[in-house]
N, C-alpha and C. Protein backbone atom coordinates (compact mmCIF):
# COMPACT_ATOMS: atom_id res chain seq x y z
N UNK A 1 -14.58 4.53 -12.59
CA UNK A 1 -14.07 5.68 -11.91
C UNK A 1 -13.33 5.38 -10.79
N UNK A 2 -14.05 4.68 -9.71
CA UNK A 2 -13.47 4.33 -8.58
C UNK A 2 -12.36 3.29 -8.71
N UNK A 3 -12.28 2.35 -9.82
CA UNK A 3 -11.32 1.75 -10.05
C UNK A 3 -10.22 2.19 -10.27
N UNK A 4 -10.16 3.30 -11.29
CA UNK A 4 -9.12 4.20 -11.67
C UNK A 4 -8.40 4.87 -10.71
N UNK A 5 -9.22 5.43 -9.74
CA UNK A 5 -8.69 6.01 -8.65
C UNK A 5 -8.17 5.24 -7.57
N UNK A 6 -8.42 3.94 -7.51
CA UNK A 6 -7.85 2.88 -6.55
C UNK A 6 -6.54 2.72 -7.22
N UNK A 7 -6.56 2.37 -8.41
CA UNK A 7 -5.10 2.07 -9.08
C UNK A 7 -4.30 3.28 -8.95
N UNK A 8 -4.60 4.38 -8.97
CA UNK A 8 -3.73 5.55 -8.89
C UNK A 8 -3.34 5.74 -7.61
N UNK A 9 -3.98 5.42 -6.28
CA UNK A 9 -3.84 5.50 -5.06
C UNK A 9 -2.73 4.26 -4.63
N UNK A 10 -3.06 3.21 -5.40
CA UNK A 10 -2.12 2.07 -5.09
C UNK A 10 -0.58 2.24 -5.73
N UNK A 11 -0.53 2.96 -6.85
CA UNK A 11 0.55 3.13 -7.49
C UNK A 11 1.46 4.21 -6.45
N UNK A 12 0.54 5.02 -6.06
CA UNK A 12 1.39 6.20 -5.34
C UNK A 12 1.87 5.44 -3.67
N UNK A 13 0.92 4.36 -3.45
CA UNK A 13 1.41 3.77 -2.12
C UNK A 13 2.62 2.74 -2.45
N UNK A 14 2.73 2.37 -3.68
CA UNK A 14 3.84 1.45 -4.18
C UNK A 14 5.13 2.45 -4.08
N UNK A 15 4.95 3.41 -4.80
CA UNK A 15 6.11 4.27 -4.95
C UNK A 15 6.68 4.70 -3.56
N UNK A 16 5.75 5.00 -2.65
CA UNK A 16 6.27 5.26 -1.23
C UNK A 16 6.64 4.10 -0.55
N UNK A 17 6.17 2.85 -0.79
CA UNK A 17 6.83 1.60 -0.15
C UNK A 17 8.08 1.29 -0.71
N UNK A 18 8.57 1.52 -1.90
CA UNK A 18 9.72 0.98 -2.49
C UNK A 18 11.03 1.67 -1.61
N UNK A 19 11.05 2.86 -1.19
CA UNK A 19 12.16 3.54 -0.70
C UNK A 19 12.00 3.00 0.93
N UNK A 20 11.00 2.77 1.35
CA UNK A 20 10.78 2.21 2.69
C UNK A 20 11.29 0.85 2.99
N UNK A 21 11.72 0.14 1.90
CA UNK A 21 12.32 -1.11 2.03
C UNK A 21 13.76 -1.09 2.36
N UNK A 22 14.45 0.27 2.30
CA UNK A 22 15.70 0.34 2.81
C UNK A 22 15.90 0.28 4.00
N UNK A 23 17.00 -0.39 4.57
CA UNK A 23 17.01 -0.16 5.98
C UNK A 23 17.07 1.03 6.65
N UNK A 24 16.55 1.25 7.92
CA UNK A 24 16.59 2.57 8.70
C UNK A 24 15.44 3.58 8.05
N UNK A 25 14.67 3.15 6.88
CA UNK A 25 13.67 3.90 6.61
C UNK A 25 12.31 3.34 6.58
N UNK A 26 12.13 2.13 7.48
CA UNK A 26 11.01 1.09 7.42
C UNK A 26 9.89 1.92 8.20
N UNK A 27 10.14 3.15 8.83
CA UNK A 27 9.01 3.91 9.43
C UNK A 27 8.13 4.48 8.27
N UNK A 28 8.62 4.52 7.04
CA UNK A 28 7.86 4.98 5.80
C UNK A 28 6.62 3.99 5.56
N UNK A 29 6.63 2.66 5.86
CA UNK A 29 5.67 1.89 5.94
C UNK A 29 4.51 2.27 6.75
N UNK A 30 4.75 2.79 7.78
CA UNK A 30 3.52 3.22 8.51
C UNK A 30 2.63 4.38 7.67
N UNK A 31 3.27 5.20 6.74
CA UNK A 31 2.65 6.06 6.02
C UNK A 31 1.80 5.31 5.09
N UNK A 32 2.55 4.17 4.37
CA UNK A 32 1.81 3.59 3.28
C UNK A 32 0.75 2.65 3.85
N UNK A 33 0.57 2.20 4.89
CA UNK A 33 -0.71 1.41 5.34
C UNK A 33 -1.76 2.05 5.29
N UNK A 34 -1.92 3.16 5.70
CA UNK A 34 -3.38 3.77 5.59
C UNK A 34 -3.63 4.29 4.08
N UNK A 35 -2.77 4.71 3.34
CA UNK A 35 -2.99 4.77 2.14
C UNK A 35 -3.38 3.88 1.13
N UNK A 36 -2.76 2.64 1.51
CA UNK A 36 -3.13 1.39 0.91
C UNK A 36 -4.59 0.82 1.38
N UNK A 37 -4.91 1.01 2.60
CA UNK A 37 -6.26 0.67 2.78
C UNK A 37 -7.40 1.66 2.44
N UNK A 38 -7.16 2.99 2.04
CA UNK A 38 -8.00 3.73 1.61
C UNK A 38 -8.21 3.25 0.08
N UNK A 39 -7.18 3.15 -0.51
CA UNK A 39 -7.12 2.59 -2.09
C UNK A 39 -7.97 1.26 -2.08
N UNK A 40 -7.71 0.27 -1.18
CA UNK A 40 -8.67 -0.82 -1.03
C UNK A 40 -9.96 -0.68 -0.98
N UNK A 41 -10.25 0.15 -0.11
CA UNK A 41 -11.60 0.62 0.26
C UNK A 41 -12.36 1.24 -1.01
N UNK A 42 -11.69 2.05 -1.75
CA UNK A 42 -12.28 2.51 -3.07
C UNK A 42 -12.44 1.52 -3.99
N UNK A 43 -11.43 0.48 -4.03
CA UNK A 43 -11.41 -0.53 -5.08
C UNK A 43 -12.68 -1.51 -4.85
N UNK A 44 -12.91 -1.61 -3.47
CA UNK A 44 -13.81 -2.45 -3.05
C UNK A 44 -15.38 -2.14 -3.53
N UNK A 45 -15.44 -0.77 -3.48
CA UNK A 45 -16.58 -0.19 -3.99
C UNK A 45 -16.76 -0.09 -5.55
N UNK A 46 -15.66 -0.31 -6.48
CA UNK A 46 -15.84 -0.42 -7.66
C UNK A 46 -16.61 -1.84 -8.31
N UNK A 47 -16.62 -1.81 -9.70
CA UNK A 47 -17.15 -3.10 -10.02
C UNK A 47 -15.92 -4.11 -10.40
N UNK A 48 -14.78 -3.57 -10.67
CA UNK A 48 -13.53 -4.21 -11.05
C UNK A 48 -12.76 -4.27 -9.79
N UNK A 49 -11.96 -5.47 -9.87
CA UNK A 49 -11.06 -5.92 -8.68
C UNK A 49 -9.66 -5.42 -8.94
N UNK A 50 -9.25 -5.03 -9.84
CA UNK A 50 -7.76 -4.79 -10.21
C UNK A 50 -7.23 -3.75 -9.12
N UNK A 51 -7.87 -2.70 -9.06
CA UNK A 51 -7.30 -1.56 -7.95
C UNK A 51 -7.41 -2.08 -6.57
N UNK A 52 -8.43 -2.88 -6.14
CA UNK A 52 -8.42 -3.26 -4.85
C UNK A 52 -7.37 -4.52 -4.71
N UNK A 53 -6.97 -5.39 -5.62
CA UNK A 53 -5.91 -6.14 -5.41
C UNK A 53 -4.79 -5.56 -5.50
N UNK A 54 -4.33 -4.42 -6.18
CA UNK A 54 -2.98 -3.85 -6.33
C UNK A 54 -2.93 -3.29 -4.71
N UNK A 55 -3.74 -2.60 -4.25
CA UNK A 55 -3.55 -1.98 -3.05
C UNK A 55 -3.45 -3.05 -1.90
N UNK A 56 -3.97 -4.39 -1.95
CA UNK A 56 -3.89 -5.18 -0.90
C UNK A 56 -2.58 -5.78 -1.11
N UNK A 57 -1.99 -6.00 -2.35
CA UNK A 57 -0.60 -6.31 -2.36
C UNK A 57 0.43 -5.46 -1.64
N UNK A 58 0.18 -4.17 -2.09
CA UNK A 58 1.04 -2.98 -1.46
C UNK A 58 0.97 -3.28 0.06
N UNK A 59 -0.19 -3.29 0.59
CA UNK A 59 -0.32 -3.44 2.00
C UNK A 59 0.30 -4.67 2.67
N UNK A 60 0.28 -5.73 1.92
CA UNK A 60 0.86 -6.85 2.25
C UNK A 60 2.32 -6.91 2.29
N UNK A 61 2.95 -6.02 1.37
CA UNK A 61 4.46 -6.01 1.10
C UNK A 61 4.70 -4.90 2.36
N UNK A 62 4.05 -3.91 2.61
CA UNK A 62 4.42 -3.10 3.82
C UNK A 62 4.30 -3.65 4.88
N UNK A 63 3.05 -4.52 5.40
CA UNK A 63 3.25 -5.39 6.49
C UNK A 63 4.02 -6.29 6.71
N UNK A 64 4.57 -6.97 5.59
CA UNK A 64 5.78 -8.10 5.75
C UNK A 64 7.18 -7.24 6.04
N UNK A 65 7.40 -6.06 5.47
CA UNK A 65 8.33 -5.33 5.72
C UNK A 65 8.54 -4.94 7.04
N UNK A 66 7.34 -4.43 7.72
CA UNK A 66 7.24 -4.09 9.28
C UNK A 66 7.50 -5.10 10.12
N UNK A 67 7.08 -6.43 9.65
CA UNK A 67 7.27 -7.47 10.52
C UNK A 67 8.69 -7.96 10.54
N UNK A 68 9.44 -7.91 9.58
CA UNK A 68 10.88 -8.15 9.29
C UNK A 68 11.97 -7.17 10.10
N UNK A 69 11.28 -5.91 10.10
CA UNK A 69 12.19 -5.00 10.74
C UNK A 69 11.65 -4.71 12.19
N UNK A 70 10.70 -5.39 12.66
CA UNK A 70 10.44 -5.23 14.03
C UNK A 70 9.47 -4.12 14.31
N UNK A 71 8.87 -3.64 13.25
CA UNK A 71 7.98 -2.42 13.42
C UNK A 71 8.40 -1.17 13.48
N UNK A 72 9.80 -1.00 13.30
CA UNK A 72 10.34 0.38 13.22
C UNK A 72 11.25 0.40 12.09
N UNK A 73 12.16 -0.41 12.04
CA UNK A 73 13.23 -0.30 10.93
C UNK A 73 12.94 -0.94 9.90
């Protein structure tokens, strides 16, 4: 059950991260980071790793985008 909830949270974070890759919308990644970490935490509590891995990938994408944009852009 926690894995399914983690996958849903990861998909929501991914949907929010996609428009944040557009220039001048990079600030949206600051919203994605805590959502992805909550999903990764729930995924770590479950017996399967799929949800945790999805959330960690989304987290990595958001961090990479923030690094490329200087933290804001």
